[in-house]
Each structure stands twice: as C-alpha cells, then as structure tokens.
Amino acid sequence: MTLSKTTLAMTFAALSIGLIACTDSQNESVADAETEAKEMATQAKEKSAQLYDKSKAGASEMADKATDMAGDLKESTSEAYDKVKDKAGDAYDATAEKASDVMGATKEKAVELKTDAAEKLKEACIATKEKLGEDPKGC
C-alpha cells in the first residue's frame, strides 16, 4: 500500500509541475501522461494487493506449520511419558519379583537351619543321655 501511495503522490506532483509549465500545444501530451500515470497507479495498487495476499497466505501457512509442530511435540512427549511409565512399571514388577524370590529363599533357608538345629539338638540330647546312662528315646 505504501508503494502505491508514494507512486501516486510522485505522479501527481510530476503532473502538477508539467501542467504549470505546459503551453496550449503541450496539453495533449499532458493528458497522455496523466492517463499513463493513472495506469501506473492502478498497476501499483494491483501489485500491492497481490503482495498483501501472498503475505497473508504465507503467514497462514506458517501458523498451520507451527500448529502441526506443536501437535507433533505433544504426541512425542506423550509417547515418551508412556514409555518411561511402562519401563518404571516393569522395573517395579521385576524388583517385586526378586524381593519375593529372596523372601522365599530366606524362608527355605530358615526352615533348613531350623531342621538342622533340631537334628543337632537331638544328637546332643542322645549323646548326653548316653553319657549319663539314661534311655535316649525321650529325645
């Protein structure tokens, strides 16, 4: 728009100067110049409108791309969150399973130790009763 206004102003200024300096014989060429100036002003106005439309379309396209990029970012962030959440769940399950295995092994070992201790006590009881000359059946 600024280009067309500037062009119009310069054209009319040139026409004004030309009209003042013209004689009667030059009036025809002034009219031609005025027509040509009007055509130039019209062309400048049309070009300005075209540039405006192109700029508007470019801005709209950039806004669409920015929206698409934001959507892609949101989607990838959501996917990454889901993956981390799944991995954390898997790690928790694996830890719980290992803890359960350790508890089971500990209980088994405790049962073994209890059984061994009972056998050792029985053997000690038998040995003691035999040394005392008593019957070891009560052990």
C-alpha atoms as a PDB file:
ATOM      1  CA  MET A   1       0.000   0.000   0.000  1.00  0.00           C
ATOM      2  CA  THR A   2       2.832   2.419   0.816  1.00  0.00           C
ATOM      3  CA  LEU A   3       4.386   1.827  -2.596  1.00  0.00           C
ATOM      4  CA  SER A   4       1.194   2.730  -4.410  1.00  0.00           C
ATOM      5  CA  LYS A   5       0.575   5.896  -2.354  1.00  0.00           C
ATOM      6  CA  THR A   6       4.135   7.042  -2.935  1.00  0.00           C
ATOM      7  CA  THR A   7       3.867   6.347  -6.642  1.00  0.00           C
ATOM      8  CA  LEU A   8       0.575   8.238  -6.818  1.00  0.00           C
ATOM      9  CA  ALA A   9       1.986  11.223  -4.942  1.00  0.00           C
ATOM     10  CA  MET A  10       5.042  11.397  -7.192  1.00  0.00           C
ATOM     11  CA  THR A  11       2.914  11.055 -10.310  1.00  0.00           C
ATOM     12  CA  PHE A  12       0.532  13.823  -9.327  1.00  0.00           C
ATOM     13  CA  ALA A  13       3.426  16.059  -8.311  1.00  0.00           C
ATOM     14  CA  ALA A  14       5.016  15.495 -11.703  1.00  0.00           C
ATOM     15  CA  LEU A  15       1.707  16.196 -13.405  1.00  0.00           C
ATOM     16  CA  SER A  16       1.218  19.419 -11.467  1.00  0.00           C
ATOM     17  CA  ILE A  17       4.644  20.669 -12.430  1.00  0.00           C
ATOM     18  CA  GLY A  18       4.062  19.584 -16.003  1.00  0.00           C
ATOM     19  CA  LEU A  19       0.705  21.365 -16.206  1.00  0.00           C
ATOM     20  CA  ILE A  20       2.135  24.638 -14.927  1.00  0.00           C
ATOM     21  CA  ALA A  21       4.960  24.556 -17.457  1.00  0.00           C
ATOM     22  CA  CYS A  22       2.807  23.450 -20.366  1.00  0.00           C
ATOM     23  CA  THR A  23       1.622  25.572 -23.188  1.00  0.00           C
ATOM     24  CA  ASP A  24      -1.526  25.028 -25.177  1.00  0.00           C
ATOM     25  CA  SER A  25       0.313  22.840 -27.663  1.00  0.00           C
ATOM     26  CA  GLN A  26       1.530  20.542 -24.870  1.00  0.00           C
ATOM     27  CA  ASN A  27      -1.920  19.886 -23.323  1.00  0.00           C
ATOM     28  CA  GLU A  28      -2.355  16.732 -25.391  1.00  0.00           C
ATOM     29  CA  SER A  29       0.915  15.194 -24.178  1.00  0.00           C
ATOM     30  CA  VAL A  30      -0.039  16.133 -20.599  1.00  0.00           C
ATOM     31  CA  ALA A  31      -3.325  14.254 -20.998  1.00  0.00           C
ATOM     32  CA  ASP A  32      -1.386  11.246 -22.272  1.00  0.00           C
ATOM     33  CA  ALA A  33       0.988  11.488 -19.329  1.00  0.00           C
ATOM     34  CA  GLU A  34      -1.953  11.742 -16.953  1.00  0.00           C
ATOM     35  CA  THR A  35      -3.528   8.620 -18.461  1.00  0.00           C
ATOM     36  CA  GLU A  36      -0.229   6.796 -18.239  1.00  0.00           C
ATOM     37  CA  ALA A  37       0.184   7.922 -14.619  1.00  0.00           C
ATOM     38  CA  LYS A  38      -3.287   6.634 -13.778  1.00  0.00           C
ATOM     39  CA  GLU A  39      -2.434   3.304 -15.385  1.00  0.00           C
ATOM     40  CA  MET A  40       0.809   3.124 -13.399  1.00  0.00           C
ATOM     41  CA  ALA A  41      -1.082   3.930 -10.201  1.00  0.00           C
ATOM     42  CA  THR A  42      -3.613   1.187 -10.955  1.00  0.00           C
ATOM     43  CA  GLN A  43      -0.822  -1.314 -11.636  1.00  0.00           C
ATOM     44  CA  ALA A  44       0.951  -0.331  -8.414  1.00  0.00           C
ATOM     45  CA  LYS A  45      -2.287  -0.769  -6.489  1.00  0.00           C
ATOM     46  CA  GLU A  46      -2.838  -4.224  -8.030  1.00  0.00           C
ATOM     47  CA  LYS A  47       0.734  -5.298  -7.240  1.00  0.00           C
ATOM     48  CA  SER A  48       0.335  -4.059  -3.700  1.00  0.00           C
ATOM     49  CA  ALA A  49      -2.865  -6.099  -3.302  1.00  0.00           C
ATOM     50  CA  GLN A  50      -1.105  -9.174  -4.710  1.00  0.00           C
ATOM     51  CA  LEU A  51       1.807  -8.775  -2.285  1.00  0.00           C
ATOM     52  CA  TYR A  52      -0.639  -8.407   0.590  1.00  0.00           C
ATOM     53  CA  ASP A  53      -2.464 -11.594  -0.430  1.00  0.00           C
ATOM     54  CA  LYS A  54       0.831 -13.501  -0.742  1.00  0.00           C
ATOM     55  CA  SER A  55       1.973 -12.277   2.671  1.00  0.00           C
ATOM     56  CA  LYS A  56      -1.355 -13.232   4.212  1.00  0.00           C
ATOM     57  CA  ALA A  57      -1.186 -16.720   2.673  1.00  0.00           C
ATOM     58  CA  GLY A  58       2.420 -17.154   3.851  1.00  0.00           C
ATOM     59  CA  ALA A  59       1.514 -16.139   7.405  1.00  0.00           C
ATOM     60  CA  SER A  60      -1.409 -18.553   7.406  1.00  0.00           C
ATOM     61  CA  GLU A  61       0.823 -21.361   6.163  1.00  0.00           C
ATOM     62  CA  MET A  62       3.404 -20.612   8.861  1.00  0.00           C
ATOM     63  CA  ALA A  63       0.707 -20.655  11.534  1.00  0.00           C
ATOM     64  CA  ASP A  64      -0.516 -24.036  10.251  1.00  0.00           C
ATOM     65  CA  LYS A  65       3.013 -25.428  10.338  1.00  0.00           C
ATOM     66  CA  ALA A  66       3.535 -24.133  13.876  1.00  0.00           C
ATOM     67  CA  THR A  67       0.281 -25.789  14.942  1.00  0.00           C
ATOM     68  CA  ASP A  68       1.365 -29.066  13.339  1.00  0.00           C
ATOM     69  CA  MET A  69       4.747 -28.888  15.052  1.00  0.00           C
ATOM     70  CA  ALA A  70       3.117 -28.253  18.424  1.00  0.00           C
ATOM     71  CA  GLY A  71       0.838 -31.251  17.879  1.00  0.00           C
ATOM     72  CA  ASP A  72       3.796 -33.442  16.930  1.00  0.00           C
ATOM     73  CA  LEU A  73       5.700 -32.288  20.010  1.00  0.00           C
ATOM     74  CA  LYS A  74       2.731 -33.050  22.241  1.00  0.00           C
ATOM     75  CA  GLU A  75       2.373 -36.506  20.688  1.00  0.00           C
ATOM     76  CA  SER A  76       6.061 -37.378  21.028  1.00  0.00           C
ATOM     77  CA  THR A  77       6.106 -36.128  24.630  1.00  0.00           C
ATOM     78  CA  SER A  78       3.087 -38.264  25.407  1.00  0.00           C
ATOM     79  CA  GLU A  79       4.738 -41.305  23.790  1.00  0.00           C
ATOM     80  CA  ALA A  80       7.958 -40.727  25.766  1.00  0.00           C
ATOM     81  CA  TYR A  81       5.949 -40.435  29.003  1.00  0.00           C
ATOM     82  CA  ASP A  82       4.147 -43.694  28.232  1.00  0.00           C
ATOM     83  CA  LYS A  83       7.444 -45.477  27.515  1.00  0.00           C
ATOM     84  CA  VAL A  84       9.019 -44.224  30.751  1.00  0.00           C
ATOM     85  CA  LYS A  85       5.897 -45.179  32.669  1.00  0.00           C
ATOM     86  CA  ASP A  86       5.956 -48.692  31.171  1.00  0.00           C
ATOM     87  CA  LYS A  87       9.660 -49.101  31.947  1.00  0.00           C
ATOM     88  CA  ALA A  88       9.135 -47.914  35.518  1.00  0.00           C
ATOM     89  CA  GLY A  89       6.271 -50.395  35.907  1.00  0.00           C
ATOM     90  CA  ASP A  90       8.416 -53.191  34.509  1.00  0.00           C
ATOM     91  CA  ALA A  91      11.278 -52.270  36.845  1.00  0.00           C
ATOM     92  CA  TYR A  92       8.882 -52.228  39.811  1.00  0.00           C
ATOM     93  CA  ASP A  93       7.477 -55.631  38.840  1.00  0.00           C
ATOM     94  CA  ALA A  94      10.985 -57.079  38.411  1.00  0.00           C
ATOM     95  CA  THR A  95      12.056 -55.690  41.791  1.00  0.00           C
ATOM     96  CA  ALA A  96       8.947 -57.071  43.472  1.00  0.00           C
ATOM     97  CA  GLU A  97       9.555 -60.471  41.875  1.00  0.00           C
ATOM     98  CA  LYS A  98      13.191 -60.507  43.006  1.00  0.00           C
ATOM     99  CA  ALA A  99      12.187 -59.474  46.509  1.00  0.00           C
ATOM    100  CA  SER A 100       9.617 -62.260  46.549  1.00  0.00           C
ATOM    101  CA  ASP A 101      12.251 -64.758  45.348  1.00  0.00           C
ATOM    102  CA  VAL A 102      14.669 -63.587  48.061  1.00  0.00           C
ATOM    103  CA  MET A 103      11.938 -63.888  50.709  1.00  0.00           C
ATOM    104  CA  GLY A 104      11.128 -67.408  49.510  1.00  0.00           C
ATOM    105  CA  ALA A 105      14.782 -68.416  49.537  1.00  0.00           C
ATOM    106  CA  THR A 106      15.196 -66.887  53.009  1.00  0.00           C
ATOM    107  CA  LYS A 107      12.211 -68.846  54.329  1.00  0.00           C
ATOM    108  CA  GLU A 108      13.552 -72.060  52.806  1.00  0.00           C
ATOM    109  CA  LYS A 109      16.976 -71.421  54.352  1.00  0.00           C
ATOM    110  CA  ALA A 110      15.334 -70.690  57.725  1.00  0.00           C
ATOM    111  CA  VAL A 111      13.437 -73.980  57.531  1.00  0.00           C
ATOM    112  CA  GLU A 112      16.683 -75.789  56.678  1.00  0.00           C
ATOM    113  CA  LEU A 113      18.512 -74.115  59.564  1.00  0.00           C
ATOM    114  CA  LYS A 114      15.659 -74.928  61.932  1.00  0.00           C
ATOM    115  CA  THR A 115      15.695 -78.560  60.806  1.00  0.00           C
ATOM    116  CA  ASP A 116      19.488 -78.748  61.144  1.00  0.00           C
ATOM    117  CA  ALA A 117      19.335 -77.137  64.578  1.00  0.00           C
ATOM    118  CA  ALA A 118      16.650 -79.623  65.679  1.00  0.00           C
ATOM    119  CA  GLU A 119      18.768 -82.541  64.456  1.00  0.00           C
ATOM    120  CA  LYS A 120      21.851 -81.164  66.250  1.00  0.00           C
ATOM    121  CA  LEU A 121      19.837 -80.740  69.453  1.00  0.00           C
ATOM    122  CA  LYS A 122      18.526 -84.311  69.131  1.00  0.00           C
ATOM    123  CA  GLU A 123      22.055 -85.619  68.590  1.00  0.00           C
ATOM    124  CA  ALA A 124      23.306 -83.602  71.585  1.00  0.00           C
ATOM    125  CA  CYS A 125      20.414 -84.909  73.694  1.00  0.00           C
ATOM    126  CA  ILE A 126      21.144 -88.506  72.672  1.00  0.00           C
ATOM    127  CA  ALA A 127      24.853 -88.079  73.371  1.00  0.00           C
ATOM    128  CA  THR A 128      24.154 -86.504  76.743  1.00  0.00           C
ATOM    129  CA  LYS A 129      21.689 -89.231  77.785  1.00  0.00           C
ATOM    130  CA  GLU A 130      24.075 -91.951  76.684  1.00  0.00           C
ATOM    131  CA  LYS A 131      26.868 -90.428  78.770  1.00  0.00           C
ATOM    132  CA  LEU A 132      24.544 -90.194  81.734  1.00  0.00           C
ATOM    133  CA  GLY A 133      23.424 -93.748  81.149  1.00  0.00           C
ATOM    134  CA  GLU A 134      19.816 -92.851  80.504  1.00  0.00           C
ATOM    135  CA  ASP A 135      17.478 -94.012  77.748  1.00  0.00           C
ATOM    136  CA  PRO A 136      17.774 -91.734  74.658  1.00  0.00           C
ATOM    137  CA  LYS A 137      14.196 -92.489  73.457  1.00  0.00           C
ATOM    138  CA  GLY A 138      12.849 -89.324  75.109  1.00  0.00           C
ATOM    139  CA  CYS A 139      14.984 -87.138  72.865  1.00  0.00           C
END
